[in-house]
Amino acid sequence: MAPAGPLAEEAVDRALDRLERWGWRPLLGRNSRGRWGYLSGTDDERLADLQAAIDSEENDAIWFLRGGYGTMRIVDRVDWRPLVRRPRPVIGFSDNTVLHLALQRAGLVSFHGPHPAVETLPPFSIELLHRAVTLAEPLGQLPLPEEGEGVETVVEGVAEGPLVGGNLVLLAATVGTFWALRTRGALLFFEEVGEATYRLDRLLTQLRLSGALDGVKGILVGALSECPDEGAPNTPALSDLLRDRLGDLGVPVARGFPFGHQPYNWTLPLGVRARLDATAGTVEILEPAVAPRALGES
């Protein structure tokens, strides 16, 4: 279902076809093809779809078709109790960060992973998604794609803690709300797309000033995609910005992990304990993320 932005008809069809080819049976939210300005429907329509998915006794997972904008408009009216009684994987990222923060408050594990309507979903991303939401065992050390520039150490060190985080703009936007980011004792991860360097600076500074980073154990930085002034004169390199804004926290920091607005994506189980080795550029998932019953089994 689409709790935020609208989708083109072909994007919805692509998502349905993709899941069917995997042998999964997609149950489409009734308003998922809707549009209300820059939203996939009115707040009441999008909330009804999300609540119906949560209340359902028939589905094995809830997967958001896309992000965009809109989850902050409905998060305060969601009843998560049926999901607490019958936990299922909830999958998505970007604007859906707000829903992940709410699930964290409810004590539930959820999955920061790619959306099914994207044009490109390579085997690397598909394989890890399948493993993350079906295997009742720790994922272990997460693989890195052969493509890409690899992981860069910003601050050396090793740390462990449950994974929390998501899209940087949304993490900052929830400051001062009931669903605000909490990182004490945790590993924070974040990603972003289309933000200029000074805006990334401002977002990180806001999190610092709010106290959201107090007690964080380590930080994983994913894709900072389409930064419009990257490499421009008089603009710090992204690694230098991260070192400036995060280096004095005294925790390990590494950037370039495969998650965010890019084709190669890890599916990260939020709330599950992990180990970051920023020196080696590795992440290991230490605990199972799902119950022994695999997705799709009766």
C-alpha atoms as a PDB file:
ATOM      1  CA  MET A   1       0.000   0.000   0.000  1.00  0.00           C
ATOM      2  CA  ALA A   2       1.007   3.641  -0.447  1.00  0.00           C
ATOM      3  CA  PRO A   3       0.950   5.651   2.802  1.00  0.00           C
ATOM      4  CA  ALA A   4       2.627   8.726   1.308  1.00  0.00           C
ATOM      5  CA  GLY A   5       3.175   9.827  -2.310  1.00  0.00           C
ATOM      6  CA  PRO A   6       1.211   8.767  -5.419  1.00  0.00           C
ATOM      7  CA  LEU A   7       2.364   6.305  -8.057  1.00  0.00           C
ATOM      8  CA  ALA A   8       1.990   6.053 -11.808  1.00  0.00           C
ATOM      9  CA  GLU A   9      -0.175   3.154 -12.977  1.00  0.00           C
ATOM     10  CA  GLU A  10       2.819   1.388 -14.517  1.00  0.00           C
ATOM     11  CA  ALA A  11       4.731   1.594 -11.219  1.00  0.00           C
ATOM     12  CA  VAL A  12       1.938  -0.173  -9.335  1.00  0.00           C
ATOM     13  CA  ASP A  13       1.690  -2.808 -12.078  1.00  0.00           C
ATOM     14  CA  ARG A  14       5.467  -3.301 -11.968  1.00  0.00           C
ATOM     15  CA  ALA A  15       5.334  -3.925  -8.211  1.00  0.00           C
ATOM     16  CA  LEU A  16       2.498  -6.445  -8.513  1.00  0.00           C
ATOM     17  CA  ASP A  17       4.217  -8.295 -11.338  1.00  0.00           C
ATOM     18  CA  ARG A  18       7.500  -8.389  -9.439  1.00  0.00           C
ATOM     19  CA  LEU A  19       5.952  -9.975  -6.347  1.00  0.00           C
ATOM     20  CA  GLU A  20       3.984 -12.496  -8.391  1.00  0.00           C
ATOM     21  CA  ARG A  21       7.163 -13.595 -10.172  1.00  0.00           C
ATOM     22  CA  TRP A  22       8.707 -14.240  -6.760  1.00  0.00           C
ATOM     23  CA  GLY A  23       5.790 -16.481  -5.831  1.00  0.00           C
ATOM     24  CA  TRP A  24       4.346 -13.969  -3.378  1.00  0.00           C
ATOM     25  CA  ARG A  25       0.654 -13.007  -3.528  1.00  0.00           C
ATOM     26  CA  PRO A  26       0.273  -9.229  -3.463  1.00  0.00           C
ATOM     27  CA  LEU A  27      -2.812  -7.773  -1.772  1.00  0.00           C
ATOM     28  CA  LEU A  28      -3.089  -4.202  -3.032  1.00  0.00           C
ATOM     29  CA  GLY A  29      -4.406  -1.455  -0.763  1.00  0.00           C
ATOM     30  CA  ARG A  30      -7.678  -0.169  -2.195  1.00  0.00           C
ATOM     31  CA  ASN A  31      -6.403   3.423  -2.481  1.00  0.00           C
ATOM     32  CA  SER A  32      -2.905   2.578  -3.756  1.00  0.00           C
ATOM     33  CA  ARG A  33      -3.693   3.853  -7.256  1.00  0.00           C
ATOM     34  CA  GLY A  34      -5.181   7.075  -5.930  1.00  0.00           C
ATOM     35  CA  ARG A  35      -3.961  10.647  -6.052  1.00  0.00           C
ATOM     36  CA  TRP A  36      -4.774  13.689  -3.962  1.00  0.00           C
ATOM     37  CA  GLY A  37      -2.308  16.385  -4.956  1.00  0.00           C
ATOM     38  CA  TYR A  38       1.148  15.189  -3.881  1.00  0.00           C
ATOM     39  CA  LEU A  39      -0.354  12.344  -1.842  1.00  0.00           C
ATOM     40  CA  SER A  40      -1.706   8.949  -2.886  1.00  0.00           C
ATOM     41  CA  GLY A  41      -5.052   9.813  -1.339  1.00  0.00           C
ATOM     42  CA  THR A  42      -6.602  11.846   1.424  1.00  0.00           C
ATOM     43  CA  ASP A  43      -5.288  11.314   4.930  1.00  0.00           C
ATOM     44  CA  ASP A  44      -8.377   9.249   5.754  1.00  0.00           C
ATOM     45  CA  GLU A  45      -7.901   7.058   2.672  1.00  0.00           C
ATOM     46  CA  ARG A  46      -4.226   6.398   3.281  1.00  0.00           C
ATOM     47  CA  LEU A  47      -4.809   5.774   6.972  1.00  0.00           C
ATOM     48  CA  ALA A  48      -7.625   3.353   6.150  1.00  0.00           C
ATOM     49  CA  ASP A  49      -5.328   1.348   3.866  1.00  0.00           C
ATOM     50  CA  LEU A  50      -2.558   1.193   6.458  1.00  0.00           C
ATOM     51  CA  GLN A  51      -4.916   0.296   9.290  1.00  0.00           C
ATOM     52  CA  ALA A  52      -6.572  -2.392   7.166  1.00  0.00           C
ATOM     53  CA  ALA A  53      -3.153  -3.942   6.496  1.00  0.00           C
ATOM     54  CA  ILE A  54      -2.292  -3.843  10.201  1.00  0.00           C
ATOM     55  CA  ASP A  55      -5.671  -5.286  11.226  1.00  0.00           C
ATOM     56  CA  SER A  56      -5.656  -8.064   8.601  1.00  0.00           C
ATOM     57  CA  GLU A  57      -5.439 -11.685   9.707  1.00  0.00           C
ATOM     58  CA  GLU A  58      -4.495 -12.816   6.192  1.00  0.00           C
ATOM     59  CA  ASN A  59      -1.290 -11.013   5.227  1.00  0.00           C
ATOM     60  CA  ASP A  60       2.264 -12.069   6.057  1.00  0.00           C
ATOM     61  CA  ALA A  61       3.936  -8.680   5.580  1.00  0.00           C
ATOM     62  CA  ILE A  62       3.221  -5.011   4.866  1.00  0.00           C
ATOM     63  CA  TRP A  63       5.294  -3.450   2.076  1.00  0.00           C
ATOM     64  CA  PHE A  64       5.069   0.214   1.176  1.00  0.00           C
ATOM     65  CA  LEU A  65       5.033   0.907  -2.563  1.00  0.00           C
ATOM     66  CA  ARG A  66       7.017   4.148  -2.308  1.00  0.00           C
ATOM     67  CA  GLY A  67       7.919   7.077  -0.065  1.00  0.00           C
ATOM     68  CA  GLY A  68       7.456  10.689  -1.098  1.00  0.00           C
ATOM     69  CA  TYR A  69       5.619  12.623   1.599  1.00  0.00           C
ATOM     70  CA  GLY A  70       2.661  12.037   3.842  1.00  0.00           C
ATOM     71  CA  THR A  71       3.289   9.565   6.659  1.00  0.00           C
ATOM     72  CA  MET A  72       3.692  12.335   9.249  1.00  0.00           C
ATOM     73  CA  ARG A  73       0.123  13.387   8.501  1.00  0.00           C
ATOM     74  CA  ILE A  74      -1.332  10.040   9.648  1.00  0.00           C
ATOM     75  CA  VAL A  75       1.142   8.520  12.145  1.00  0.00           C
ATOM     76  CA  ASP A  76      -0.692   9.945  15.165  1.00  0.00           C
ATOM     77  CA  ARG A  77      -3.880   8.026  14.259  1.00  0.00           C
ATOM     78  CA  VAL A  78      -2.431   4.558  13.609  1.00  0.00           C
ATOM     79  CA  ASP A  79      -3.389   1.742  15.993  1.00  0.00           C
ATOM     80  CA  TRP A  80      -0.378  -0.589  16.086  1.00  0.00           C
ATOM     81  CA  ARG A  81      -1.856  -3.026  18.618  1.00  0.00           C
ATOM     82  CA  PRO A  82      -2.933  -5.675  16.071  1.00  0.00           C
ATOM     83  CA  LEU A  83       0.650  -5.717  14.775  1.00  0.00           C
ATOM     84  CA  VAL A  84       1.954  -6.129  18.327  1.00  0.00           C
ATOM     85  CA  ARG A  85      -0.364  -9.119  18.770  1.00  0.00           C
ATOM     86  CA  ARG A  86       0.614 -10.636  15.389  1.00  0.00           C
ATOM     87  CA  PRO A  87       3.994  -9.254  14.313  1.00  0.00           C
ATOM     88  CA  ARG A  88       4.793  -9.187  10.591  1.00  0.00           C
ATOM     89  CA  PRO A  89       7.559  -7.598   8.529  1.00  0.00           C
ATOM     90  CA  VAL A  90       6.846  -3.956   7.690  1.00  0.00           C
ATOM     91  CA  ILE A  91       9.114  -2.877   4.820  1.00  0.00           C
ATOM     92  CA  GLY A  92      10.007   0.488   3.298  1.00  0.00           C
ATOM     93  CA  PHE A  93      12.248   3.522   3.626  1.00  0.00           C
ATOM     94  CA  SER A  94      12.490   7.243   2.805  1.00  0.00           C
ATOM     95  CA  ASP A  95       9.312   9.000   4.033  1.00  0.00           C
ATOM     96  CA  ASN A  96       8.290   5.744   5.718  1.00  0.00           C
ATOM     97  CA  THR A  97      11.024   6.453   8.274  1.00  0.00           C
ATOM     98  CA  VAL A  98       8.285   8.033  10.399  1.00  0.00           C
ATOM     99  CA  LEU A  99       6.416   4.727  10.536  1.00  0.00           C
ATOM    100  CA  HIS A 100       9.622   2.904  11.470  1.00  0.00           C
ATOM    101  CA  LEU A 101      10.094   5.333  14.374  1.00  0.00           C
ATOM    102  CA  ALA A 102       6.530   4.633  15.500  1.00  0.00           C
ATOM    103  CA  LEU A 103       7.141   0.883  15.287  1.00  0.00           C
ATOM    104  CA  GLN A 104      10.282   1.355  17.372  1.00  0.00           C
ATOM    105  CA  ARG A 105       8.161   3.065  20.029  1.00  0.00           C
ATOM    106  CA  ALA A 106       5.793   0.085  19.925  1.00  0.00           C
ATOM    107  CA  GLY A 107       8.700  -2.304  20.529  1.00  0.00           C
ATOM    108  CA  LEU A 108       8.473  -3.931  17.092  1.00  0.00           C
ATOM    109  CA  VAL A 109      11.121  -4.904  14.559  1.00  0.00           C
ATOM    110  CA  SER A 110      10.655  -3.391  11.092  1.00  0.00           C
ATOM    111  CA  PHE A 111      12.692  -3.389   7.885  1.00  0.00           C
ATOM    112  CA  HIS A 112      14.405  -0.479   6.148  1.00  0.00           C
ATOM    113  CA  GLY A 113      14.406  -1.822   2.619  1.00  0.00           C
ATOM    114  CA  PRO A 114      13.737  -0.950  -1.019  1.00  0.00           C
ATOM    115  CA  HIS A 115      10.261  -0.331  -2.388  1.00  0.00           C
ATOM    116  CA  PRO A 116       8.680  -2.829  -4.803  1.00  0.00           C
ATOM    117  CA  ALA A 117       7.644  -0.193  -7.385  1.00  0.00           C
ATOM    118  CA  VAL A 118      11.169   1.026  -8.179  1.00  0.00           C
ATOM    119  CA  GLU A 119      12.326   0.596 -11.781  1.00  0.00           C
ATOM    120  CA  THR A 120      15.583  -1.158 -10.887  1.00  0.00           C
ATOM    121  CA  LEU A 121      15.845  -3.794  -8.178  1.00  0.00           C
ATOM    122  CA  PRO A 122      19.006  -5.838  -8.806  1.00  0.00           C
ATOM    123  CA  PRO A 123      19.539  -9.416  -7.587  1.00  0.00           C
ATOM    124  CA  PHE A 124      21.848  -8.109  -4.824  1.00  0.00           C
ATOM    125  CA  SER A 125      18.963  -6.181  -3.254  1.00  0.00           C
ATOM    126  CA  ILE A 126      16.357  -8.882  -3.867  1.00  0.00           C
ATOM    127  CA  GLU A 127      18.403 -11.682  -2.300  1.00  0.00           C
ATOM    128  CA  LEU A 128      19.089  -9.794   0.912  1.00  0.00           C
ATOM    129  CA  LEU A 129      15.464  -8.637   1.171  1.00  0.00           C
ATOM    130  CA  HIS A 130      14.258 -12.239   0.902  1.00  0.00           C
ATOM    131  CA  ARG A 131      16.756 -13.394   3.517  1.00  0.00           C
ATOM    132  CA  ALA A 132      15.982 -10.567   5.907  1.00  0.00           C
ATOM    133  CA  VAL A 133      12.216 -11.097   6.029  1.00  0.00           C
ATOM    134  CA  THR A 134      12.088 -14.913   5.841  1.00  0.00           C
ATOM    135  CA  LEU A 135      15.050 -16.399   7.721  1.00  0.00           C
ATOM    136  CA  ALA A 136      14.670 -16.991  11.444  1.00  0.00           C
ATOM    137  CA  GLU A 137      18.400 -16.702  12.023  1.00  0.00           C
ATOM    138  CA  PRO A 138      20.890 -13.820  12.185  1.00  0.00           C
ATOM    139  CA  LEU A 139      21.860 -12.434   8.790  1.00  0.00           C
ATOM    140  CA  GLY A 140      25.518 -12.320   9.826  1.00  0.00           C
ATOM    141  CA  GLN A 141      27.952 -10.064   7.992  1.00  0.00           C
ATOM    142  CA  LEU A 142      26.159  -8.186   5.249  1.00  0.00           C
ATOM    143  CA  PRO A 143      27.657  -8.413   1.754  1.00  0.00           C
ATOM    144  CA  LEU A 144      28.868  -5.438  -0.245  1.00  0.00           C
ATOM    145  CA  PRO A 145      28.087  -5.067  -3.962  1.00  0.00           C
ATOM    146  CA  GLU A 146      30.894  -5.401  -6.446  1.00  0.00           C
ATOM    147  CA  GLU A 147      29.790  -2.121  -7.986  1.00  0.00           C
ATOM    148  CA  GLY A 148      30.345   1.177  -6.204  1.00  0.00           C
ATOM    149  CA  GLU A 149      33.172   2.960  -4.450  1.00  0.00           C
ATOM    150  CA  GLY A 150      33.105   0.862  -1.285  1.00  0.00           C
ATOM    151  CA  VAL A 151      32.963   1.877   2.358  1.00  0.00           C
ATOM    152  CA  GLU A 152      35.025   4.732   3.768  1.00  0.00           C
ATOM    153  CA  THR A 153      36.078   4.963   7.411  1.00  0.00           C
ATOM    154  CA  VAL A 154      35.279   8.368   8.906  1.00  0.00           C
ATOM    155  CA  VAL A 155      36.091   7.507  12.536  1.00  0.00           C
ATOM    156  CA  GLU A 156      37.737   4.175  13.374  1.00  0.00           C
ATOM    157  CA  GLY A 157      36.350   1.736  15.907  1.00  0.00           C
ATOM    158  CA  VAL A 158      33.884  -1.064  16.621  1.00  0.00           C
ATOM    159  CA  ALA A 159      30.480  -0.778  18.291  1.00  0.00           C
ATOM    160  CA  GLU A 160      27.371  -2.854  18.910  1.00  0.00           C
ATOM    161  CA  GLY A 161      23.737  -1.964  19.472  1.00  0.00           C
ATOM    162  CA  PRO A 162      20.237  -2.199  18.006  1.00  0.00           C
ATOM    163  CA  LEU A 163      19.781  -0.517  14.631  1.00  0.00           C
ATOM    164  CA  VAL A 164      17.752   2.711  14.489  1.00  0.00           C
ATOM    165  CA  GLY A 165      17.433   5.396  11.845  1.00  0.00           C
ATOM    166  CA  GLY A 166      16.272   6.054   8.308  1.00  0.00           C
ATOM    167  CA  ASN A 167      16.024   9.111   6.094  1.00  0.00           C
ATOM    168  CA  LEU A 168      17.915  12.094   7.511  1.00  0.00           C
ATOM    169  CA  VAL A 169      15.284  14.723   6.675  1.00  0.00           C
ATOM    170  CA  LEU A 170      12.565  12.686   8.372  1.00  0.00           C
ATOM    171  CA  LEU A 171      14.729  11.955  11.409  1.00  0.00           C
ATOM    172  CA  ALA A 172      15.205  15.704  11.832  1.00  0.00           C
ATOM    173  CA  ALA A 173      11.544  16.463  11.107  1.00  0.00           C
ATOM    174  CA  THR A 174      10.371  14.326  14.040  1.00  0.00           C
ATOM    175  CA  VAL A 175      12.486  16.233  16.589  1.00  0.00           C
ATOM    176  CA  GLY A 176      10.142  17.518  19.290  1.00  0.00           C
ATOM    177  CA  THR A 177       7.432  14.949  18.532  1.00  0.00           C
ATOM    178  CA  PHE A 178       6.422  11.794  20.363  1.00  0.00           C
ATOM    179  CA  TRP A 179       8.106   9.768  17.599  1.00  0.00           C
ATOM    180  CA  ALA A 180      11.475  11.525  17.807  1.00  0.00           C
ATOM    181  CA  LEU A 181      14.614   9.513  17.140  1.00  0.00           C
ATOM    182  CA  ARG A 182      16.191   7.815  20.170  1.00  0.00           C
ATOM    183  CA  THR A 183      19.764   6.590  19.752  1.00  0.00           C
ATOM    184  CA  ARG A 184      21.026   5.950  23.290  1.00  0.00           C
ATOM    185  CA  GLY A 185      22.831   2.605  23.248  1.00  0.00           C
ATOM    186  CA  ALA A 186      22.044   2.117  19.542  1.00  0.00           C
ATOM    187  CA  LEU A 187      23.699   2.133  16.141  1.00  0.00           C
ATOM    188  CA  LEU A 188      22.284   4.981  14.066  1.00  0.00           C
ATOM    189  CA  PHE A 189      22.050   4.697  10.294  1.00  0.00           C
ATOM    190  CA  PHE A 190      20.899   7.355   7.851  1.00  0.00           C
ATOM    191  CA  GLU A 191      20.706   8.158   4.138  1.00  0.00           C
ATOM    192  CA  GLU A 192      19.541  11.092   2.039  1.00  0.00           C
ATOM    193  CA  VAL A 193      18.898  12.203  -1.539  1.00  0.00           C
ATOM    194  CA  GLY A 194      19.002  15.550  -3.315  1.00  0.00           C
ATOM    195  CA  GLU A 195      20.173  17.681  -0.386  1.00  0.00           C
ATOM    196  CA  ALA A 196      22.971  20.245  -0.720  1.00  0.00           C
ATOM    197  CA  THR A 197      25.970  19.975   1.577  1.00  0.00           C
ATOM    198  CA  TYR A 198      24.938  22.900   3.783  1.00  0.00           C
ATOM    199  CA  ARG A 199      21.498  21.340   4.220  1.00  0.00           C
ATOM    200  CA  LEU A 200      23.063  18.040   5.295  1.00  0.00           C
ATOM    201  CA  ASP A 201      25.145  20.092   7.741  1.00  0.00           C
ATOM    202  CA  ARG A 202      21.999  21.730   9.098  1.00  0.00           C
ATOM    203  CA  LEU A 203      20.156  18.431   9.493  1.00  0.00           C
ATOM    204  CA  LEU A 204      23.025  16.839  11.412  1.00  0.00           C
ATOM    205  CA  THR A 205      23.422  19.959  13.519  1.00  0.00           C
ATOM    206  CA  GLN A 206      19.716  19.889  14.370  1.00  0.00           C
ATOM    207  CA  LEU A 207      20.000  16.297  15.580  1.00  0.00           C
ATOM    208  CA  ARG A 208      23.040  17.231  17.665  1.00  0.00           C
ATOM    209  CA  LEU A 209      21.379  20.269  19.258  1.00  0.00           C
ATOM    210  CA  SER A 210      18.178  18.342  20.001  1.00  0.00           C
ATOM    211  CA  GLY A 211      20.048  15.676  21.970  1.00  0.00           C
ATOM    212  CA  ALA A 212      18.953  12.975  19.526  1.00  0.00           C
ATOM    213  CA  LEU A 213      22.544  11.741  19.201  1.00  0.00           C
ATOM    214  CA  ASP A 214      23.226  11.591  22.944  1.00  0.00           C
ATOM    215  CA  GLY A 215      24.435   8.102  23.849  1.00  0.00           C
ATOM    216  CA  VAL A 216      24.703   6.809  20.286  1.00  0.00           C
ATOM    217  CA  LYS A 217      27.162   3.902  19.971  1.00  0.00           C
ATOM    218  CA  GLY A 218      28.103   4.129  16.291  1.00  0.00           C
ATOM    219  CA  ILE A 219      26.913   5.598  12.979  1.00  0.00           C
ATOM    220  CA  LEU A 220      26.417   4.001   9.547  1.00  0.00           C
ATOM    221  CA  VAL A 221      26.006   6.389   6.634  1.00  0.00           C
ATOM    222  CA  GLY A 222      24.379   5.078   3.481  1.00  0.00           C
ATOM    223  CA  ALA A 223      23.917   6.805   0.142  1.00  0.00           C
ATOM    224  CA  LEU A 224      23.968  10.601   0.144  1.00  0.00           C
ATOM    225  CA  SER A 225      22.642  10.558  -3.395  1.00  0.00           C
ATOM    226  CA  GLU A 226      22.385  13.389  -5.895  1.00  0.00           C
ATOM    227  CA  CYS A 227      24.006  15.976  -3.641  1.00  0.00           C
ATOM    228  CA  PRO A 228      23.793  18.956  -6.046  1.00  0.00           C
ATOM    229  CA  ASP A 229      26.949  20.753  -4.919  1.00  0.00           C
ATOM    230  CA  GLU A 230      29.190  17.753  -4.257  1.00  0.00           C
ATOM    231  CA  GLY A 231      32.681  18.622  -5.467  1.00  0.00           C
ATOM    232  CA  ALA A 232      31.861  22.316  -5.973  1.00  0.00           C
ATOM    233  CA  PRO A 233      34.439  24.996  -5.049  1.00  0.00           C
ATOM    234  CA  ASN A 234      34.368  26.152  -1.425  1.00  0.00           C
ATOM    235  CA  THR A 235      32.183  23.191  -0.480  1.00  0.00           C
ATOM    236  CA  PRO A 236      33.546  20.597   1.943  1.00  0.00           C
ATOM    237  CA  ALA A 237      33.706  17.012   0.804  1.00  0.00           C
ATOM    238  CA  LEU A 238      30.931  14.885   2.273  1.00  0.00           C
ATOM    239  CA  SER A 239      33.420  12.839   4.281  1.00  0.00           C
ATOM    240  CA  ASP A 240      34.872  16.036   5.738  1.00  0.00           C
ATOM    241  CA  LEU A 241      31.383  17.249   6.641  1.00  0.00           C
ATOM    242  CA  LEU A 242      30.625  13.966   8.411  1.00  0.00           C
ATOM    243  CA  ARG A 243      33.946  14.105  10.240  1.00  0.00           C
ATOM    244  CA  ASP A 244      33.224  17.685  11.340  1.00  0.00           C
ATOM    245  CA  ARG A 245      29.643  17.050  12.509  1.00  0.00           C
ATOM    246  CA  LEU A 246      30.061  13.527  13.938  1.00  0.00           C
ATOM    247  CA  GLY A 247      33.761  13.023  14.623  1.00  0.00           C
ATOM    248  CA  ASP A 248      33.738  14.501  18.114  1.00  0.00           C
ATOM    249  CA  LEU A 249      30.999  12.144  19.354  1.00  0.00           C
ATOM    250  CA  GLY A 250      33.675   9.585  20.168  1.00  0.00           C
ATOM    251  CA  VAL A 251      31.977   6.732  18.295  1.00  0.00           C
ATOM    252  CA  PRO A 252      32.822   4.763  15.129  1.00  0.00           C
ATOM    253  CA  VAL A 253      31.508   6.263  11.889  1.00  0.00           C
ATOM    254  CA  ALA A 254      31.694   4.891   8.339  1.00  0.00           C
ATOM    255  CA  ARG A 255      30.010   5.948   5.107  1.00  0.00           C
ATOM    256  CA  GLY A 256      29.153   4.415   1.750  1.00  0.00           C
ATOM    257  CA  PHE A 257      27.089   1.434   2.905  1.00  0.00           C
ATOM    258  CA  PRO A 258      24.572   0.154   0.328  1.00  0.00           C
ATOM    259  CA  PHE A 259      21.238   1.519   1.488  1.00  0.00           C
ATOM    260  CA  GLY A 260      19.186   4.526   0.491  1.00  0.00           C
ATOM    261  CA  HIS A 261      18.139   6.075  -2.799  1.00  0.00           C
ATOM    262  CA  GLN A 262      20.196   3.859  -5.077  1.00  0.00           C
ATOM    263  CA  PRO A 263      19.676   0.451  -6.747  1.00  0.00           C
ATOM    264  CA  TYR A 264      21.938  -1.551  -4.406  1.00  0.00           C
ATOM    265  CA  ASN A 265      20.194  -1.798  -1.080  1.00  0.00           C
ATOM    266  CA  TRP A 266      20.574  -3.684   2.127  1.00  0.00           C
ATOM    267  CA  THR A 267      17.383  -4.544   3.990  1.00  0.00           C
ATOM    268  CA  LEU A 268      18.183  -3.524   7.555  1.00  0.00           C
ATOM    269  CA  PRO A 269      16.135  -4.875  10.497  1.00  0.00           C
ATOM    270  CA  LEU A 270      15.469  -1.963  12.818  1.00  0.00           C
ATOM    271  CA  GLY A 271      15.540  -2.825  16.502  1.00  0.00           C
ATOM    272  CA  VAL A 272      17.818  -5.831  15.940  1.00  0.00           C
ATOM    273  CA  ARG A 273      21.295  -5.876  17.447  1.00  0.00           C
ATOM    274  CA  ALA A 274      24.188  -5.380  15.045  1.00  0.00           C
ATOM    275  CA  ARG A 275      27.955  -4.790  15.072  1.00  0.00           C
ATOM    276  CA  LEU A 276      29.634  -1.977  13.146  1.00  0.00           C
ATOM    277  CA  ASP A 277      33.342  -2.246  12.425  1.00  0.00           C
ATOM    278  CA  ALA A 278      34.036   1.186  10.971  1.00  0.00           C
ATOM    279  CA  THR A 279      37.729   0.400  10.582  1.00  0.00           C
ATOM    280  CA  ALA A 280      37.079  -2.658   8.417  1.00  0.00           C
ATOM    281  CA  GLY A 281      33.942  -1.208   6.829  1.00  0.00           C
ATOM    282  CA  THR A 282      31.665  -4.105   7.820  1.00  0.00           C
ATOM    283  CA  VAL A 283      28.252  -4.572   9.433  1.00  0.00           C
ATOM    284  CA  GLU A 284      27.109  -7.812  11.041  1.00  0.00           C
ATOM    285  CA  ILE A 285      23.532  -8.567  12.115  1.00  0.00           C
ATOM    286  CA  LEU A 286      23.775 -10.466  15.384  1.00  0.00           C
ATOM    287  CA  GLU A 287      20.166 -11.479  16.090  1.00  0.00           C
ATOM    288  CA  PRO A 288      17.252 -12.993  14.135  1.00  0.00           C
ATOM    289  CA  ALA A 289      14.786 -10.455  12.797  1.00  0.00           C
ATOM    290  CA  VAL A 290      11.735 -12.684  12.223  1.00  0.00           C
ATOM    291  CA  ALA A 291      10.001 -15.527  14.023  1.00  0.00           C
ATOM    292  CA  PRO A 292      10.629 -19.132  12.888  1.00  0.00           C
ATOM    293  CA  ARG A 293       7.571 -19.100  10.599  1.00  0.00           C
ATOM    294  CA  ALA A 294       8.750 -18.035   7.147  1.00  0.00           C
ATOM    295  CA  LEU A 295       6.907 -15.512   5.015  1.00  0.00           C
ATOM    296  CA  GLY A 296       4.148 -17.161   2.993  1.00  0.00           C
ATOM    297  CA  GLU A 297       3.979 -20.368   5.026  1.00  0.00           C
ATOM    298  CA  SER A 298       0.717 -21.402   6.611  1.00  0.00           C
END
